[in-house]
PDB file of all heavy atoms in Angstrom:
ATOM      1  N   VAL A   1      16.336 -13.333   5.908  1.00  0.00           N
ATOM      2  CA  VAL A   1      17.599 -12.685   6.224  1.00  0.00           C
ATOM      3  C   VAL A   1      18.548 -12.642   5.032  1.00  0.00           C
ATOM      4  O   VAL A   1      19.523 -11.881   5.042  1.00  0.00           O
ATOM      5  CB  VAL A   1      18.265 -13.390   7.433  1.00  0.00           C
ATOM      6  CG1 VAL A   1      18.838 -14.744   7.019  1.00  0.00           C
ATOM      7  CG2 VAL A   1      19.327 -12.501   8.076  1.00  0.00           C
ATOM      8  N   THR A   2      18.275 -13.414   3.974  1.00  0.00           N
ATOM      9  CA  THR A   2      19.183 -13.505   2.834  1.00  0.00           C
ATOM     10  C   THR A   2      18.724 -12.594   1.702  1.00  0.00           C
ATOM     11  O   THR A   2      17.692 -12.859   1.069  1.00  0.00           O
ATOM     12  CB  THR A   2      19.267 -14.954   2.327  1.00  0.00           C
ATOM     13  OG1 THR A   2      19.616 -15.815   3.415  1.00  0.00           O
ATOM     14  CG2 THR A   2      20.304 -15.086   1.222  1.00  0.00           C
ATOM     15  N   PRO A   3      19.459 -11.524   1.403  1.00  0.00           N
ATOM     16  CA  PRO A   3      18.990 -10.552   0.399  1.00  0.00           C
ATOM     17  C   PRO A   3      18.726 -11.147  -0.969  1.00  0.00           C
ATOM     18  O   PRO A   3      17.743 -10.775  -1.626  1.00  0.00           O
ATOM     19  CB  PRO A   3      20.131  -9.521   0.355  1.00  0.00           C
ATOM     20  CG  PRO A   3      20.764  -9.602   1.704  1.00  0.00           C
ATOM     21  CD  PRO A   3      20.678 -11.051   2.091  1.00  0.00           C
ATOM     22  N   VAL A   4      19.568 -12.074  -1.441  1.00  0.00           N
ATOM     23  CA  VAL A   4      19.375 -12.600  -2.791  1.00  0.00           C
ATOM     24  C   VAL A   4      18.067 -13.368  -2.904  1.00  0.00           C
ATOM     25  O   VAL A   4      17.416 -13.354  -3.959  1.00  0.00           O
ATOM     26  CB  VAL A   4      20.578 -13.467  -3.226  1.00  0.00           C
ATOM     27  CG1 VAL A   4      20.643 -14.771  -2.437  1.00  0.00           C
ATOM     28  CG2 VAL A   4      20.535 -13.745  -4.722  1.00  0.00           C
ATOM     29  N   LEU A   5      17.637 -14.013  -1.831  1.00  0.00           N
ATOM     30  CA  LEU A   5      16.365 -14.727  -1.866  1.00  0.00           C
ATOM     31  C   LEU A   5      15.194 -13.756  -1.933  1.00  0.00           C
ATOM     32  O   LEU A   5      14.211 -13.992  -2.641  1.00  0.00           O
ATOM     33  CB  LEU A   5      16.240 -15.647  -0.657  1.00  0.00           C
ATOM     34  CG  LEU A   5      17.305 -16.732  -0.544  1.00  0.00           C
ATOM     35  CD1 LEU A   5      17.080 -17.578   0.706  1.00  0.00           C
ATOM     36  CD2 LEU A   5      17.314 -17.619  -1.777  1.00  0.00           C
ATOM     37  N   ILE A   6      15.307 -12.665  -1.198  1.00  0.00           N
ATOM     38  CA  ILE A   6      14.261 -11.640  -1.255  1.00  0.00           C
ATOM     39  C   ILE A   6      14.212 -11.012  -2.641  1.00  0.00           C
ATOM     40  O   ILE A   6      13.129 -10.741  -3.184  1.00  0.00           O
ATOM     41  CB  ILE A   6      14.490 -10.578  -0.168  1.00  0.00           C
ATOM     42  CG1 ILE A   6      14.255 -11.187   1.219  1.00  0.00           C
ATOM     43  CG2 ILE A   6      13.589  -9.364  -0.379  1.00  0.00           C
ATOM     44  CD1 ILE A   6      12.843 -11.709   1.442  1.00  0.00           C
ATOM     45  N   GLU A   7      15.360 -10.803  -3.256  1.00  0.00           N
ATOM     46  CA  GLU A   7      15.382 -10.263  -4.617  1.00  0.00           C
ATOM     47  C   GLU A   7      14.679 -11.218  -5.587  1.00  0.00           C
ATOM     48  O   GLU A   7      13.920 -10.783  -6.460  1.00  0.00           O
ATOM     49  CB  GLU A   7      16.832 -10.028  -5.068  1.00  0.00           C
ATOM     50  CG  GLU A   7      17.522  -8.884  -4.337  1.00  0.00           C
ATOM     51  CD  GLU A   7      19.009  -8.842  -4.626  1.00  0.00           C
ATOM     52  OE1 GLU A   7      19.465  -9.607  -5.503  1.00  0.00           O
ATOM     53  OE2 GLU A   7      19.721  -8.048  -3.972  1.00  0.00           O
ATOM     54  N   GLN A   8      14.932 -12.518  -5.428  1.00  0.00           N
ATOM     55  CA  GLN A   8      14.268 -13.496  -6.283  1.00  0.00           C
ATOM     56  C   GLN A   8      12.760 -13.484  -6.062  1.00  0.00           C
ATOM     57  O   GLN A   8      11.973 -13.577  -7.023  1.00  0.00           O
ATOM     58  CB  GLN A   8      14.844 -14.889  -6.025  1.00  0.00           C
ATOM     59  CG  GLN A   8      16.280 -15.063  -6.480  1.00  0.00           C
ATOM     60  CD  GLN A   8      16.862 -16.415  -6.104  1.00  0.00           C
ATOM     61  OE1 GLN A   8      16.130 -17.347  -5.769  1.00  0.00           O
ATOM     62  NE2 GLN A   8      18.173 -16.529  -6.148  1.00  0.00           N
ATOM     63  N   ALA A   9      12.341 -13.379  -4.804  1.00  0.00           N
ATOM     64  CA  ALA A   9      10.908 -13.333  -4.506  1.00  0.00           C
ATOM     65  C   ALA A   9      10.266 -12.080  -5.098  1.00  0.00           C
ATOM     66  O   ALA A   9       9.158 -12.140  -5.654  1.00  0.00           O
ATOM     67  CB  ALA A   9      10.691 -13.384  -2.996  1.00  0.00           C
ATOM     68  N   GLN A  10      10.930 -10.958  -4.971  1.00  0.00           N
ATOM     69  CA  GLN A  10      10.396  -9.719  -5.535  1.00  0.00           C
ATOM     70  C   GLN A  10      10.274  -9.805  -7.048  1.00  0.00           C
ATOM     71  O   GLN A  10       9.290  -9.327  -7.627  1.00  0.00           O
ATOM     72  CB  GLN A  10      11.290  -8.546  -5.126  1.00  0.00           C
ATOM     73  CG  GLN A  10      11.209  -8.206  -3.649  1.00  0.00           C
ATOM     74  CD  GLN A  10      12.274  -7.221  -3.209  1.00  0.00           C
ATOM     75  OE1 GLN A  10      13.343  -7.129  -3.815  1.00  0.00           O
ATOM     76  NE2 GLN A  10      11.996  -6.478  -2.142  1.00  0.00           N
ATOM     77  N   GLU A  11      11.254 -10.433  -7.692  1.00  0.00           N
ATOM     78  CA  GLU A  11      11.192 -10.595  -9.145  1.00  0.00           C
ATOM     79  C   GLU A  11      10.031 -11.499  -9.542  1.00  0.00           C
ATOM     80  O   GLU A  11       9.331 -11.239 -10.533  1.00  0.00           O
ATOM     81  CB  GLU A  11      12.518 -11.164  -9.666  1.00  0.00           C
ATOM     82  CG  GLU A  11      12.541 -11.417 -11.170  1.00  0.00           C
ATOM     83  CD  GLU A  11      12.188 -10.203 -11.991  1.00  0.00           C
ATOM     84  OE1 GLU A  11      12.517  -9.057 -11.590  1.00  0.00           O
ATOM     85  OE2 GLU A  11      11.554 -10.388 -13.055  1.00  0.00           O
ATOM     86  N   LYS A  12       9.803 -12.565  -8.776  1.00  0.00           N
ATOM     87  CA  LYS A  12       8.653 -13.433  -9.037  1.00  0.00           C
ATOM     88  C   LYS A  12       7.343 -12.657  -8.930  1.00  0.00           C
ATOM     89  O   LYS A  12       6.433 -12.830  -9.747  1.00  0.00           O
ATOM     90  CB  LYS A  12       8.623 -14.602  -8.049  1.00  0.00           C
ATOM     91  CG  LYS A  12       9.632 -15.700  -8.298  1.00  0.00           C
ATOM     92  CD  LYS A  12       9.392 -16.811  -7.283  1.00  0.00           C
ATOM     93  CE  LYS A  12      10.417 -17.910  -7.379  1.00  0.00           C
ATOM     94  NZ  LYS A  12      10.181 -18.967  -6.377  1.00  0.00           N
ATOM     95  N   ALA A  13       7.242 -11.817  -7.900  1.00  0.00           N
ATOM     96  CA  ALA A  13       6.016 -11.034  -7.717  1.00  0.00           C
ATOM     97  C   ALA A  13       5.787 -10.095  -8.899  1.00  0.00           C
ATOM     98  O   ALA A  13       4.663  -9.969  -9.400  1.00  0.00           O
ATOM     99  CB  ALA A  13       6.087 -10.245  -6.411  1.00  0.00           C
ATOM    100  N   ARG A  14       6.862  -9.455  -9.369  1.00  0.00           N
ATOM    101  CA  ARG A  14       6.725  -8.556 -10.522  1.00  0.00           C
ATOM    102  C   ARG A  14       6.371  -9.337 -11.780  1.00  0.00           C
ATOM    103  O   ARG A  14       5.464  -8.954 -12.539  1.00  0.00           O
ATOM    104  CB  ARG A  14       8.032  -7.781 -10.734  1.00  0.00           C
ATOM    105  CG  ARG A  14       8.301  -6.703  -9.701  1.00  0.00           C
ATOM    106  CD  ARG A  14       9.466  -5.822 -10.128  1.00  0.00           C
ATOM    107  NE  ARG A  14      10.725  -6.559 -10.126  1.00  0.00           N
ATOM    108  CZ  ARG A  14      11.555  -6.603  -9.082  1.00  0.00           C
ATOM    109  NH1 ARG A  14      11.244  -5.977  -7.957  1.00  0.00           N
ATOM    110  NH2 ARG A  14      12.681  -7.287  -9.150  1.00  0.00           N
ATOM    111  N   ALA A  15       7.060 -10.457 -12.014  1.00  0.00           N
ATOM    112  CA  ALA A  15       6.849 -11.228 -13.238  1.00  0.00           C
ATOM    113  C   ALA A  15       5.441 -11.800 -13.317  1.00  0.00           C
ATOM    114  O   ALA A  15       4.896 -11.976 -14.422  1.00  0.00           O
ATOM    115  CB  ALA A  15       7.882 -12.351 -13.329  1.00  0.00           C
ATOM    116  N   ASN A  16       4.857 -12.096 -12.169  1.00  0.00           N
ATOM    117  CA  ASN A  16       3.530 -12.712 -12.149  1.00  0.00           C
ATOM    118  C   ASN A  16       2.434 -11.731 -11.724  1.00  0.00           C
ATOM    119  O   ASN A  16       1.295 -12.148 -11.480  1.00  0.00           O
ATOM    120  CB  ASN A  16       3.544 -13.917 -11.213  1.00  0.00           C
ATOM    121  CG  ASN A  16       4.414 -15.043 -11.743  1.00  0.00           C
ATOM    122  OD1 ASN A  16       4.014 -15.791 -12.619  1.00  0.00           O
ATOM    123  ND2 ASN A  16       5.637 -15.153 -11.216  1.00  0.00           N
ATOM    124  N   SER A  17       2.785 -10.438 -11.645  1.00  0.00           N
ATOM    125  CA  SER A  17       1.813  -9.382 -11.303  1.00  0.00           C
ATOM    126  C   SER A  17       1.054  -9.691 -10.014  1.00  0.00           C
ATOM    127  O   SER A  17      -0.163  -9.513  -9.921  1.00  0.00           O
ATOM    128  CB  SER A  17       0.831  -9.174 -12.460  1.00  0.00           C
ATOM    129  OG  SER A  17       1.512  -8.797 -13.636  1.00  0.00           O
ATOM    130  N   VAL A  18       1.785 -10.171  -9.009  1.00  0.00           N
ATOM    131  CA  VAL A  18       1.177 -10.448  -7.703  1.00  0.00           C
ATOM    132  C   VAL A  18       1.139  -9.138  -6.913  1.00  0.00           C
ATOM    133  O   VAL A  18       2.184  -8.619  -6.518  1.00  0.00           O
ATOM    134  CB  VAL A  18       1.970 -11.526  -6.940  1.00  0.00           C
ATOM    135  CG1 VAL A  18       1.332 -11.794  -5.582  1.00  0.00           C
ATOM    136  CG2 VAL A  18       2.050 -12.806  -7.754  1.00  0.00           C
ATOM    137  N   GLN A  19      -0.055  -8.631  -6.701  1.00  0.00           N
ATOM    138  CA  GLN A  19      -0.207  -7.314  -6.093  1.00  0.00           C
ATOM    139  C   GLN A  19      -0.307  -7.348  -4.572  1.00  0.00           C
ATOM    140  O   GLN A  19      -0.051  -6.328  -3.922  1.00  0.00           O
ATOM    141  CB  GLN A  19      -1.469  -6.628  -6.662  1.00  0.00           C
ATOM    142  CG  GLN A  19      -1.456  -6.472  -8.170  1.00  0.00           C
ATOM    143  CD  GLN A  19      -0.338  -5.565  -8.654  1.00  0.00           C
ATOM    144  OE1 GLN A  19      -0.036  -4.536  -8.043  1.00  0.00           O
ATOM    145  NE2 GLN A  19       0.301  -5.953  -9.755  1.00  0.00           N
ATOM    146  N   ASN A  20      -0.673  -8.491  -4.004  1.00  0.00           N
ATOM    147  CA  ASN A  20      -0.929  -8.539  -2.562  1.00  0.00           C
ATOM    148  C   ASN A  20       0.181  -9.232  -1.779  1.00  0.00           C
ATOM    149  O   ASN A  20      -0.022  -9.695  -0.654  1.00  0.00           O
ATOM    150  CB  ASN A  20      -2.271  -9.196  -2.268  1.00  0.00           C
ATOM    151  CG  ASN A  20      -2.357 -10.633  -2.771  1.00  0.00           C
ATOM    152  OD1 ASN A  20      -1.731 -10.985  -3.758  1.00  0.00           O
ATOM    153  ND2 ASN A  20      -3.139 -11.462  -2.086  1.00  0.00           N
ATOM    154  N   ALA A  21       1.377  -9.341  -2.371  1.00  0.00           N
ATOM    155  CA  ALA A  21       2.536  -9.890  -1.666  1.00  0.00           C
ATOM    156  C   ALA A  21       3.698  -8.917  -1.776  1.00  0.00           C
ATOM    157  O   ALA A  21       3.964  -8.365  -2.846  1.00  0.00           O
ATOM    158  CB  ALA A  21       2.928 -11.249  -2.248  1.00  0.00           C
ATOM    159  N   SER A  22       4.380  -8.706  -0.668  1.00  0.00           N
ATOM    160  CA  SER A  22       5.580  -7.868  -0.647  1.00  0.00           C
ATOM    161  C   SER A  22       6.637  -8.568   0.180  1.00  0.00           C
ATOM    162  O   SER A  22       6.339  -9.510   0.922  1.00  0.00           O
ATOM    163  CB  SER A  22       5.281  -6.481  -0.068  1.00  0.00           C
ATOM    164  OG  SER A  22       4.757  -6.583   1.247  1.00  0.00           O
ATOM    165  N   PHE A  23       7.894  -8.098   0.047  1.00  0.00           N
ATOM    166  CA  PHE A  23       9.007  -8.812   0.661  1.00  0.00           C
ATOM    167  C   PHE A  23      10.020  -7.833   1.241  1.00  0.00           C
ATOM    168  O   PHE A  23      10.188  -6.719   0.729  1.00  0.00           O
ATOM    169  CB  PHE A  23       9.695  -9.711  -0.377  1.00  0.00           C
ATOM    170  CG  PHE A  23       8.793 -10.760  -0.947  1.00  0.00           C
ATOM    171  CD1 PHE A  23       8.039 -10.495  -2.093  1.00  0.00           C
ATOM    172  CD2 PHE A  23       8.661 -11.994  -0.327  1.00  0.00           C
ATOM    173  CE1 PHE A  23       7.188 -11.449  -2.612  1.00  0.00           C
ATOM    174  CE2 PHE A  23       7.800 -12.954  -0.847  1.00  0.00           C
ATOM    175  CZ  PHE A  23       7.062 -12.689  -1.986  1.00  0.00           C
ATOM    176  N   GLY A  24      10.704  -8.265   2.315  1.00  0.00           N
ATOM    177  CA  GLY A  24      11.732  -7.442   2.920  1.00  0.00           C
ATOM    178  C   GLY A  24      12.810  -8.290   3.567  1.00  0.00           C
ATOM    179  O   GLY A  24      12.569  -9.438   3.961  1.00  0.00           O
ATOM    180  N   VAL A  25      14.010  -7.729   3.664  1.00  0.00           N
ATOM    181  CA  VAL A  25      15.134  -8.417   4.294  1.00  0.00           C
ATOM    182  C   VAL A  25      15.071  -8.189   5.803  1.00  0.00           C
ATOM    183  O   VAL A  25      15.227  -7.055   6.270  1.00  0.00           O
ATOM    184  CB  VAL A  25      16.478  -7.918   3.731  1.00  0.00           C
ATOM    185  CG1 VAL A  25      17.643  -8.609   4.451  1.00  0.00           C
ATOM    186  CG2 VAL A  25      16.548  -8.155   2.225  1.00  0.00           C
ATOM    187  N   MET A  26      14.817  -9.232   6.550  1.00  0.00           N
ATOM    188  CA  MET A  26      14.769  -9.172   8.014  1.00  0.00           C
ATOM    189  C   MET A  26      15.124 -10.530   8.583  1.00  0.00           C
ATOM    190  O   MET A  26      14.852 -11.560   7.967  1.00  0.00           O
ATOM    191  CB  MET A  26      13.367  -8.808   8.526  1.00  0.00           C
ATOM    192  CG  MET A  26      12.870  -7.438   8.200  1.00  0.00           C
ATOM    193  SD  MET A  26      11.247  -7.149   8.965  1.00  0.00           S
ATOM    194  CE  MET A  26      10.536  -6.031   7.763  1.00  0.00           C
ATOM    195  N   SER A  27      15.698 -10.522   9.769  1.00  0.00           N
ATOM    196  CA  SER A  27      15.951 -11.752  10.501  1.00  0.00           C
ATOM    197  C   SER A  27      14.736 -12.091  11.350  1.00  0.00           C
ATOM    198  O   SER A  27      14.086 -11.190  11.907  1.00  0.00           O
ATOM    199  CB  SER A  27      17.180 -11.578  11.397  1.00  0.00           C
ATOM    200  OG  SER A  27      17.319 -12.680  12.265  1.00  0.00           O
ATOM    201  N   VAL A  28      14.429 -13.384  11.474  1.00  0.00           N
ATOM    202  CA  VAL A  28      13.273 -13.788  12.274  1.00  0.00           C
ATOM    203  C   VAL A  28      13.451 -13.447  13.747  1.00  0.00           C
ATOM    204  O   VAL A  28      12.464 -13.348  14.482  1.00  0.00           O
ATOM    205  CB  VAL A  28      12.987 -15.292  12.124  1.00  0.00           C
ATOM    206  CG1 VAL A  28      12.580 -15.635  10.708  1.00  0.00           C
ATOM    207  CG2 VAL A  28      14.173 -16.140  12.568  1.00  0.00           C
ATOM    208  N   ASP A  29      14.691 -13.273  14.183  1.00  0.00           N
ATOM    209  CA  ASP A  29      14.909 -12.957  15.603  1.00  0.00           C
ATOM    210  C   ASP A  29      15.136 -11.471  15.851  1.00  0.00           C
ATOM    211  O   ASP A  29      15.440 -11.060  16.973  1.00  0.00           O
ATOM    212  CB  ASP A  29      16.070 -13.772  16.183  1.00  0.00           C
ATOM    213  CG  ASP A  29      17.348 -13.643  15.381  1.00  0.00           C
ATOM    214  OD1 ASP A  29      17.481 -12.688  14.595  1.00  0.00           O
ATOM    215  OD2 ASP A  29      18.227 -14.521  15.531  1.00  0.00           O
ATOM    216  N   GLN A  30      14.955 -10.628  14.821  1.00  0.00           N
ATOM    217  CA  GLN A  30      15.071  -9.178  14.989  1.00  0.00           C
ATOM    218  C   GLN A  30      14.232  -8.507  13.897  1.00  0.00           C
ATOM    219  O   GLN A  30      14.752  -7.941  12.940  1.00  0.00           O
ATOM    220  CB  GLN A  30      16.531  -8.731  14.904  1.00  0.00           C
ATOM    221  CG  GLN A  30      16.752  -7.310  15.403  1.00  0.00           C
ATOM    222  CD  GLN A  30      18.230  -6.979  15.528  1.00  0.00           C
ATOM    223  OE1 GLN A  30      19.086  -7.809  15.234  1.00  0.00           O
ATOM    224  NE2 GLN A  30      18.526  -5.770  15.968  1.00  0.00           N
ATOM    225  N   LEU A  31      12.936  -8.540  14.071  1.00  0.00           N
ATOM    226  CA  LEU A  31      12.012  -8.043  13.065  1.00  0.00           C
ATOM    227  C   LEU A  31      11.881  -6.526  13.139  1.00  0.00           C
ATOM    228  O   LEU A  31      11.680  -5.970  14.221  1.00  0.00           O
ATOM    229  CB  LEU A  31      10.633  -8.685  13.250  1.00  0.00           C
ATOM    230  CG  LEU A  31      10.583 -10.205  13.064  1.00  0.00           C
ATOM    231  CD1 LEU A  31       9.229 -10.744  13.525  1.00  0.00           C
ATOM    232  CD2 LEU A  31      10.834 -10.572  11.607  1.00  0.00           C
ATOM    233  N   GLU A  32      11.977  -5.883  12.017  1.00  0.00           N
ATOM    234  CA  GLU A  32      11.831  -4.429  11.936  1.00  0.00           C
ATOM    235  C   GLU A  32      10.372  -4.088  11.651  1.00  0.00           C
ATOM    236  O   GLU A  32      10.019  -3.512  10.624  1.00  0.00           O
ATOM    237  CB  GLU A  32      12.756  -3.877  10.852  1.00  0.00           C
ATOM    238  CG  GLU A  32      14.232  -4.152  11.132  1.00  0.00           C
ATOM    239  CD  GLU A  32      15.120  -3.813   9.943  1.00  0.00           C
ATOM    240  OE1 GLU A  32      14.673  -3.046   9.067  1.00  0.00           O
ATOM    241  OE2 GLU A  32      16.243  -4.334   9.883  1.00  0.00           O
ATOM    242  N   LEU A  33       9.526  -4.456  12.606  1.00  0.00           N
ATOM    243  CA  LEU A  33       8.091  -4.270  12.481  1.00  0.00           C
ATOM    244  C   LEU A  33       7.537  -3.707  13.784  1.00  0.00           C
ATOM    245  O   LEU A  33       8.084  -3.952  14.863  1.00  0.00           O
ATOM    246  CB  LEU A  33       7.401  -5.599  12.168  1.00  0.00           C
ATOM    247  CG  LEU A  33       7.805  -6.298  10.854  1.00  0.00           C
ATOM    248  CD1 LEU A  33       7.261  -7.717  10.823  1.00  0.00           C
ATOM    249  CD2 LEU A  33       7.325  -5.501   9.654  1.00  0.00           C
ATOM    250  N   GLU A  34       6.436  -2.993  13.672  1.00  0.00           N
ATOM    251  CA  GLU A  34       5.812  -2.404  14.856  1.00  0.00           C
ATOM    252  C   GLU A  34       5.162  -3.484  15.721  1.00  0.00           C
ATOM    253  O   GLU A  34       4.768  -4.539  15.237  1.00  0.00           O
ATOM    254  CB  GLU A  34       4.743  -1.392  14.430  1.00  0.00           C
ATOM    255  CG  GLU A  34       5.278  -0.193  13.665  1.00  0.00           C
ATOM    256  CD  GLU A  34       6.153   0.700  14.538  1.00  0.00           C
ATOM    257  OE1 GLU A  34       5.879   0.781  15.763  1.00  0.00           O
ATOM    258  OE2 GLU A  34       7.106   1.304  14.007  1.00  0.00           O
ATOM    259  N   ASP A  35       5.077  -3.195  17.019  1.00  0.00           N
ATOM    260  CA  ASP A  35       4.369  -4.078  17.939  1.00  0.00           C
ATOM    261  C   ASP A  35       2.927  -4.279  17.463  1.00  0.00           C
ATOM    262  O   ASP A  35       2.269  -3.332  17.008  1.00  0.00           O
ATOM    263  CB  ASP A  35       4.347  -3.492  19.348  1.00  0.00           C
ATOM    264  CG  ASP A  35       5.722  -3.418  19.984  1.00  0.00           C
ATOM    265  OD1 ASP A  35       6.698  -3.884  19.362  1.00  0.00           O
ATOM    266  OD2 ASP A  35       5.816  -2.884  21.115  1.00  0.00           O
TER     267      ASP A  35
END
């Protein structure tokens, strides 16, 4: 739910060329994901 943490995670993924991890800003009690 915290945007700055997701930004840090995304930067880590880019810096370490992690291709199979992605990140998004969402609350655990209101997920913007399909059933």
